[in-house]
Amino acid sequence: MQQTRRHILNILKERGEATVDDLVLELRKRRGDNITPVTVRHHLNELLKEQLVMTPQFRHRSAPGRPQHIYVLTNEAKAYFPNNYQTLAANLIAQVSENLPPRTINVIIEGVADGMAAQAEIPDKPIPERLDAVVAYLNTQGYNASWEKHPNGFILRTLNCPYHHISQTTQLLCEMDMRMIASLLGIVPRLQSRMSDGDAVCAYLIPDA
């Protein structure tokens, strides 16, 4: 998919909804250029044709001016983000939860997280370089991750949960993600927000050691 359209999908996934003006401002931040409203509307029209964006609705301004169109993702677009074999994983998690004691389940979850982190082979480098490698790895797993500097360290965000449907019924995979990120970075993160709690993204504060 064309990169600007991918950015637009990511922005709508993160925000839930956005106007053309919202998208222009966010795209300028992410792309570092002066993309115009005309160009954004062109990409939105293409996404409409692909049925990845819904027909826009009007939102009236609180201040004087013409109403603005609001854009949101379609269900087809939500399915566009990877889901990691939801049915199989859900059944496995259900069987583990029903047949094993909590301590054993924790050992399994921690083992899976540590195993995934070991496979990633993140180099022992300064945190920004490690974060680059972690984000690259998470994106191969469908997390749609990014990071940015924060006054207290760094914020790692994931815009897509590969286990979204399962995480609605159990916190086990959320706990696995926390353990995996800690293993990947060698630093225990502090949870800031979580999609399974209704937040738009999962966000983790990585203290600047």
C-alpha atoms as a PDB file:
ATOM      1  CA  MET A   1       0.000   0.000   0.000  1.00  0.00           C
ATOM      2  CA  GLN A   2       1.132   3.563  -0.742  1.00  0.00           C
ATOM      3  CA  GLN A   3       2.958   4.941   2.330  1.00  0.00           C
ATOM      4  CA  THR A   4       0.835   8.067   2.831  1.00  0.00           C
ATOM      5  CA  ARG A   5      -2.340   5.960   2.820  1.00  0.00           C
ATOM      6  CA  ARG A   6      -0.771   3.606   5.320  1.00  0.00           C
ATOM      7  CA  HIS A   7      -0.021   6.620   7.539  1.00  0.00           C
ATOM      8  CA  ILE A   8      -3.646   7.760   7.211  1.00  0.00           C
ATOM      9  CA  LEU A   9      -4.918   4.327   8.247  1.00  0.00           C
ATOM     10  CA  ASN A  10      -2.550   4.339  11.223  1.00  0.00           C
ATOM     11  CA  ILE A  11      -3.693   7.809  12.292  1.00  0.00           C
ATOM     12  CA  LEU A  12      -7.361   6.838  12.063  1.00  0.00           C
ATOM     13  CA  LYS A  13      -6.657   3.622  13.965  1.00  0.00           C
ATOM     14  CA  GLU A  14      -4.949   5.622  16.726  1.00  0.00           C
ATOM     15  CA  ARG A  15      -7.420   8.518  16.928  1.00  0.00           C
ATOM     16  CA  GLY A  16     -10.654   6.724  16.098  1.00  0.00           C
ATOM     17  CA  GLU A  17     -11.708   9.609  13.838  1.00  0.00           C
ATOM     18  CA  ALA A  18     -10.125  12.616  12.154  1.00  0.00           C
ATOM     19  CA  THR A  19     -10.869  15.533   9.845  1.00  0.00           C
ATOM     20  CA  VAL A  20      -8.774  16.456   6.822  1.00  0.00           C
ATOM     21  CA  ASP A  21      -7.172  19.217   8.909  1.00  0.00           C
ATOM     22  CA  ASP A  22      -6.342  16.704  11.663  1.00  0.00           C
ATOM     23  CA  LEU A  23      -4.759  14.373   9.117  1.00  0.00           C
ATOM     24  CA  VAL A  24      -2.745  17.161   7.494  1.00  0.00           C
ATOM     25  CA  LEU A  25      -1.251  18.221  10.834  1.00  0.00           C
ATOM     26  CA  GLU A  26      -0.398  14.654  11.857  1.00  0.00           C
ATOM     27  CA  LEU A  27       1.010  13.716   8.448  1.00  0.00           C
ATOM     28  CA  ARG A  28       3.251  16.778   8.468  1.00  0.00           C
ATOM     29  CA  LYS A  29       4.665  15.630  11.815  1.00  0.00           C
ATOM     30  CA  ARG A  30       5.244  12.068  10.624  1.00  0.00           C
ATOM     31  CA  ARG A  31       6.485  12.850   7.102  1.00  0.00           C
ATOM     32  CA  GLY A  32       8.346  16.070   7.843  1.00  0.00           C
ATOM     33  CA  ASP A  33       6.944  17.884   4.801  1.00  0.00           C
ATOM     34  CA  ASN A  34       4.113  20.274   3.881  1.00  0.00           C
ATOM     35  CA  ILE A  35       1.504  17.859   2.569  1.00  0.00           C
ATOM     36  CA  THR A  36      -1.610  19.761   1.469  1.00  0.00           C
ATOM     37  CA  PRO A  37      -5.311  19.188   2.207  1.00  0.00           C
ATOM     38  CA  VAL A  38      -5.850  18.548  -1.527  1.00  0.00           C
ATOM     39  CA  THR A  39      -3.339  15.682  -1.453  1.00  0.00           C
ATOM     40  CA  VAL A  40      -4.879  14.224   1.721  1.00  0.00           C
ATOM     41  CA  ARG A  41      -8.355  14.327   0.159  1.00  0.00           C
ATOM     42  CA  HIS A  42      -6.996  12.479  -2.883  1.00  0.00           C
ATOM     43  CA  HIS A  43      -5.644   9.689  -0.673  1.00  0.00           C
ATOM     44  CA  LEU A  44      -8.896   9.571   1.315  1.00  0.00           C
ATOM     45  CA  ASN A  45     -10.853   9.167  -1.914  1.00  0.00           C
ATOM     46  CA  GLU A  46      -8.640   6.237  -2.868  1.00  0.00           C
ATOM     47  CA  LEU A  47      -9.184   4.670   0.563  1.00  0.00           C
ATOM     48  CA  LEU A  48     -12.938   5.186   0.125  1.00  0.00           C
ATOM     49  CA  LYS A  49     -12.774   3.300  -3.184  1.00  0.00           C
ATOM     50  CA  GLU A  50     -10.942   0.475  -1.424  1.00  0.00           C
ATOM     51  CA  GLN A  51     -13.637   0.496   1.317  1.00  0.00           C
ATOM     52  CA  LEU A  52     -11.027   1.086   4.015  1.00  0.00           C
ATOM     53  CA  VAL A  53     -12.533   4.444   5.085  1.00  0.00           C
ATOM     54  CA  MET A  54     -16.226   5.099   5.670  1.00  0.00           C
ATOM     55  CA  THR A  55     -18.184   7.782   3.824  1.00  0.00           C
ATOM     56  CA  PRO A  56     -17.428  10.913   5.870  1.00  0.00           C
ATOM     57  CA  GLN A  57     -19.965  12.446   8.232  1.00  0.00           C
ATOM     58  CA  PHE A  58     -20.353  16.147   8.999  1.00  0.00           C
ATOM     59  CA  ARG A  59     -19.159  17.647  12.273  1.00  0.00           C
ATOM     60  CA  HIS A  60     -20.239  21.198  13.016  1.00  0.00           C
ATOM     61  CA  ARG A  61     -17.608  23.550  14.361  1.00  0.00           C
ATOM     62  CA  SER A  62     -17.987  25.239  17.762  1.00  0.00           C
ATOM     63  CA  ALA A  63     -16.511  28.358  16.137  1.00  0.00           C
ATOM     64  CA  PRO A  64     -17.767  30.071  12.954  1.00  0.00           C
ATOM     65  CA  GLY A  65     -16.936  28.244   9.738  1.00  0.00           C
ATOM     66  CA  ARG A  66     -18.120  25.483   7.462  1.00  0.00           C
ATOM     67  CA  PRO A  67     -18.822  22.009   8.919  1.00  0.00           C
ATOM     68  CA  GLN A  68     -15.952  19.521   8.608  1.00  0.00           C
ATOM     69  CA  HIS A  69     -16.024  15.967   7.353  1.00  0.00           C
ATOM     70  CA  ILE A  70     -15.129  13.246   9.857  1.00  0.00           C
ATOM     71  CA  TYR A  71     -13.339  10.113   8.621  1.00  0.00           C
ATOM     72  CA  VAL A  72     -13.247   6.729  10.387  1.00  0.00           C
ATOM     73  CA  LEU A  73     -12.052   3.250   9.453  1.00  0.00           C
ATOM     74  CA  THR A  74     -14.365   0.590   8.089  1.00  0.00           C
ATOM     75  CA  ASN A  75     -14.508  -2.910   9.526  1.00  0.00           C
ATOM     76  CA  GLU A  76     -12.599  -4.038   6.437  1.00  0.00           C
ATOM     77  CA  ALA A  77      -9.760  -1.696   7.385  1.00  0.00           C
ATOM     78  CA  LYS A  78      -9.690  -3.011  10.946  1.00  0.00           C
ATOM     79  CA  ALA A  79      -9.314  -6.514   9.520  1.00  0.00           C
ATOM     80  CA  TYR A  80      -6.396  -5.172   7.430  1.00  0.00           C
ATOM     81  CA  PHE A  81      -4.261  -5.034  10.571  1.00  0.00           C
ATOM     82  CA  PRO A  82      -2.744  -8.477  11.411  1.00  0.00           C
ATOM     83  CA  ASN A  83      -4.600 -10.671  13.923  1.00  0.00           C
ATOM     84  CA  ASN A  84      -2.242 -13.631  14.594  1.00  0.00           C
ATOM     85  CA  TYR A  85      -4.613 -16.587  14.173  1.00  0.00           C
ATOM     86  CA  GLN A  86      -7.142 -15.434  16.731  1.00  0.00           C
ATOM     87  CA  THR A  87      -9.281 -18.564  16.906  1.00  0.00           C
ATOM     88  CA  LEU A  88      -6.427 -20.990  17.478  1.00  0.00           C
ATOM     89  CA  ALA A  89      -4.795 -18.756  20.082  1.00  0.00           C
ATOM     90  CA  ALA A  90      -8.101 -18.169  21.882  1.00  0.00           C
ATOM     91  CA  ASN A  91      -8.742 -21.892  22.181  1.00  0.00           C
ATOM     92  CA  LEU A  92      -5.228 -22.585  23.436  1.00  0.00           C
ATOM     93  CA  ILE A  93      -5.458 -19.832  26.049  1.00  0.00           C
ATOM     94  CA  ALA A  94      -8.852 -21.100  27.197  1.00  0.00           C
ATOM     95  CA  GLN A  95      -7.543 -24.646  27.655  1.00  0.00           C
ATOM     96  CA  VAL A  96      -4.458 -23.482  29.530  1.00  0.00           C
ATOM     97  CA  SER A  97      -6.542 -21.274  31.817  1.00  0.00           C
ATOM     98  CA  GLU A  98      -9.034 -24.048  32.598  1.00  0.00           C
ATOM     99  CA  ASN A  99      -6.571 -26.875  33.177  1.00  0.00           C
ATOM    100  CA  LEU A 100      -3.489 -25.390  34.836  1.00  0.00           C
ATOM    101  CA  PRO A 101      -2.903 -23.590  38.149  1.00  0.00           C
ATOM    102  CA  PRO A 102      -2.125 -19.853  38.006  1.00  0.00           C
ATOM    103  CA  ARG A 103       1.552 -20.279  38.934  1.00  0.00           C
ATOM    104  CA  THR A 104       2.101 -22.725  36.067  1.00  0.00           C
ATOM    105  CA  ILE A 105       0.272 -20.420  33.661  1.00  0.00           C
ATOM    106  CA  ASN A 106       2.559 -17.549  34.686  1.00  0.00           C
ATOM    107  CA  VAL A 107       5.630 -19.694  34.047  1.00  0.00           C
ATOM    108  CA  ILE A 108       4.329 -20.564  30.576  1.00  0.00           C
ATOM    109  CA  ILE A 109       3.493 -16.947  29.697  1.00  0.00           C
ATOM    110  CA  GLU A 110       6.884 -15.733  30.910  1.00  0.00           C
ATOM    111  CA  GLY A 111       8.598 -18.510  28.966  1.00  0.00           C
ATOM    112  CA  VAL A 112       6.787 -17.589  25.754  1.00  0.00           C
ATOM    113  CA  ALA A 113       7.621 -13.894  26.200  1.00  0.00           C
ATOM    114  CA  ASP A 114      11.285 -14.583  26.962  1.00  0.00           C
ATOM    115  CA  GLY A 115      11.486 -16.980  24.011  1.00  0.00           C
ATOM    116  CA  MET A 116      10.122 -14.365  21.617  1.00  0.00           C
ATOM    117  CA  ALA A 117      12.542 -11.792  22.986  1.00  0.00           C
ATOM    118  CA  ALA A 118      15.465 -14.173  22.541  1.00  0.00           C
ATOM    119  CA  GLN A 119      14.482 -14.832  18.918  1.00  0.00           C
ATOM    120  CA  ALA A 120      14.505 -11.095  18.232  1.00  0.00           C
ATOM    121  CA  GLU A 121      18.243 -10.889  19.071  1.00  0.00           C
ATOM    122  CA  ILE A 122      18.119  -7.228  20.112  1.00  0.00           C
ATOM    123  CA  PRO A 123      21.679  -5.833  20.303  1.00  0.00           C
ATOM    124  CA  ASP A 124      23.017  -4.478  23.601  1.00  0.00           C
ATOM    125  CA  LYS A 125      23.247  -0.835  22.557  1.00  0.00           C
ATOM    126  CA  PRO A 126      22.062   2.539  23.920  1.00  0.00           C
ATOM    127  CA  ILE A 127      18.309   2.667  24.524  1.00  0.00           C
ATOM    128  CA  PRO A 128      17.363   4.653  21.379  1.00  0.00           C
ATOM    129  CA  GLU A 129      19.130   2.108  19.171  1.00  0.00           C
ATOM    130  CA  ARG A 130      17.563  -0.761  21.096  1.00  0.00           C
ATOM    131  CA  LEU A 131      14.145   0.861  20.712  1.00  0.00           C
ATOM    132  CA  ASP A 132      14.674   1.070  16.952  1.00  0.00           C
ATOM    133  CA  ALA A 133      15.429  -2.655  16.886  1.00  0.00           C
ATOM    134  CA  VAL A 134      12.500  -3.480  19.196  1.00  0.00           C
ATOM    135  CA  VAL A 135      10.075  -1.462  17.063  1.00  0.00           C
ATOM    136  CA  ALA A 136      11.330  -3.205  13.918  1.00  0.00           C
ATOM    137  CA  TYR A 137      10.800  -6.602  15.569  1.00  0.00           C
ATOM    138  CA  LEU A 138       7.349  -5.738  16.946  1.00  0.00           C
ATOM    139  CA  ASN A 139       6.253  -4.551  13.519  1.00  0.00           C
ATOM    140  CA  THR A 140       7.162  -7.910  12.001  1.00  0.00           C
ATOM    141  CA  GLN A 141       4.765  -9.388  14.587  1.00  0.00           C
ATOM    142  CA  GLY A 142       1.897  -7.069  13.626  1.00  0.00           C
ATOM    143  CA  TYR A 143       2.035  -4.560  16.508  1.00  0.00           C
ATOM    144  CA  ASN A 144       2.422  -1.398  14.379  1.00  0.00           C
ATOM    145  CA  ALA A 145       4.846   0.065  16.921  1.00  0.00           C
ATOM    146  CA  SER A 146       6.701   3.363  17.264  1.00  0.00           C
ATOM    147  CA  TRP A 147       8.611   5.247  19.957  1.00  0.00           C
ATOM    148  CA  GLU A 148       9.336   8.826  20.925  1.00  0.00           C
ATOM    149  CA  LYS A 149      11.330  10.744  23.527  1.00  0.00           C
ATOM    150  CA  HIS A 150       9.587  11.604  26.797  1.00  0.00           C
ATOM    151  CA  PRO A 151      10.714  13.881  29.680  1.00  0.00           C
ATOM    152  CA  ASN A 152      11.054  10.780  31.892  1.00  0.00           C
ATOM    153  CA  GLY A 153      12.615   8.542  29.260  1.00  0.00           C
ATOM    154  CA  PHE A 154      10.868   7.125  26.202  1.00  0.00           C
ATOM    155  CA  ILE A 155       7.344   6.142  25.193  1.00  0.00           C
ATOM    156  CA  LEU A 156       6.847   2.938  23.227  1.00  0.00           C
ATOM    157  CA  ARG A 157       3.435   2.687  21.531  1.00  0.00           C
ATOM    158  CA  THR A 158       1.692  -0.126  19.694  1.00  0.00           C
ATOM    159  CA  LEU A 159      -1.290   0.829  17.532  1.00  0.00           C
ATOM    160  CA  ASN A 160      -2.429  -2.702  16.761  1.00  0.00           C
ATOM    161  CA  CYS A 161      -3.008  -5.621  19.108  1.00  0.00           C
ATOM    162  CA  PRO A 162      -2.394  -8.902  17.238  1.00  0.00           C
ATOM    163  CA  TYR A 163      -4.485 -10.614  19.937  1.00  0.00           C
ATOM    164  CA  HIS A 164      -7.279  -8.038  20.115  1.00  0.00           C
ATOM    165  CA  HIS A 165     -10.228 -10.432  20.368  1.00  0.00           C
ATOM    166  CA  ILE A 166      -8.538 -12.600  22.994  1.00  0.00           C
ATOM    167  CA  SER A 167      -7.415  -9.675  25.137  1.00  0.00           C
ATOM    168  CA  GLN A 168     -11.071  -8.678  25.588  1.00  0.00           C
ATOM    169  CA  THR A 169     -11.574 -11.759  27.772  1.00  0.00           C
ATOM    170  CA  THR A 170      -8.188 -12.336  29.438  1.00  0.00           C
ATOM    171  CA  GLN A 171      -5.203 -10.267  30.551  1.00  0.00           C
ATOM    172  CA  LEU A 172      -2.742 -13.106  29.971  1.00  0.00           C
ATOM    173  CA  LEU A 173      -1.505 -11.862  26.615  1.00  0.00           C
ATOM    174  CA  CYS A 174      -1.270  -8.282  27.898  1.00  0.00           C
ATOM    175  CA  GLU A 175       0.960  -9.623  30.668  1.00  0.00           C
ATOM    176  CA  MET A 176       2.959 -11.523  28.051  1.00  0.00           C
ATOM    177  CA  ASP A 177       3.522  -8.293  26.082  1.00  0.00           C
ATOM    178  CA  MET A 178       4.752  -6.515  29.210  1.00  0.00           C
ATOM    179  CA  ARG A 179       7.189  -9.336  29.935  1.00  0.00           C
ATOM    180  CA  MET A 180       8.334  -9.492  26.305  1.00  0.00           C
ATOM    181  CA  ILE A 181       9.011  -5.745  26.108  1.00  0.00           C
ATOM    182  CA  ALA A 182      10.936  -5.907  29.383  1.00  0.00           C
ATOM    183  CA  SER A 183      13.020  -8.786  28.029  1.00  0.00           C
ATOM    184  CA  LEU A 184      13.584  -7.064  24.682  1.00  0.00           C
ATOM    185  CA  LEU A 185      14.806  -3.838  26.286  1.00  0.00           C
ATOM    186  CA  GLY A 186      16.346  -5.143  29.482  1.00  0.00           C
ATOM    187  CA  ILE A 187      14.238  -2.540  31.341  1.00  0.00           C
ATOM    188  CA  VAL A 188      10.884  -3.027  33.061  1.00  0.00           C
ATOM    189  CA  PRO A 189       8.364  -0.688  31.354  1.00  0.00           C
ATOM    190  CA  ARG A 190       5.566   1.211  33.092  1.00  0.00           C
ATOM    191  CA  LEU A 191       2.161   0.686  31.505  1.00  0.00           C
ATOM    192  CA  GLN A 192       0.537   3.983  30.471  1.00  0.00           C
ATOM    193  CA  SER A 193      -2.486   2.807  28.475  1.00  0.00           C
ATOM    194  CA  ARG A 194      -3.889  -0.435  27.129  1.00  0.00           C
ATOM    195  CA  MET A 195      -6.270  -1.180  24.262  1.00  0.00           C
ATOM    196  CA  SER A 196      -7.943  -3.976  26.215  1.00  0.00           C
ATOM    197  CA  ASP A 197      -8.995  -1.279  28.731  1.00  0.00           C
ATOM    198  CA  GLY A 198     -10.598   0.768  25.963  1.00  0.00           C
ATOM    199  CA  ASP A 199      -7.616   3.014  25.182  1.00  0.00           C
ATOM    200  CA  ALA A 200      -6.681   3.850  21.588  1.00  0.00           C
ATOM    201  CA  VAL A 201      -3.155   2.451  21.920  1.00  0.00           C
ATOM    202  CA  CYS A 202      -0.971   0.440  24.232  1.00  0.00           C
ATOM    203  CA  ALA A 203       1.711   2.748  25.595  1.00  0.00           C
ATOM    204  CA  TYR A 204       4.701   1.977  27.799  1.00  0.00           C
ATOM    205  CA  LEU A 205       7.014   4.419  29.557  1.00  0.00           C
ATOM    206  CA  ILE A 206      10.612   3.259  29.306  1.00  0.00           C
ATOM    207  CA  PRO A 207      12.624   4.974  32.072  1.00  0.00           C
ATOM    208  CA  ASP A 208      15.882   6.533  30.915  1.00  0.00           C
ATOM    209  CA  ALA A 209      18.372   4.457  32.900  1.00  0.00           C
END
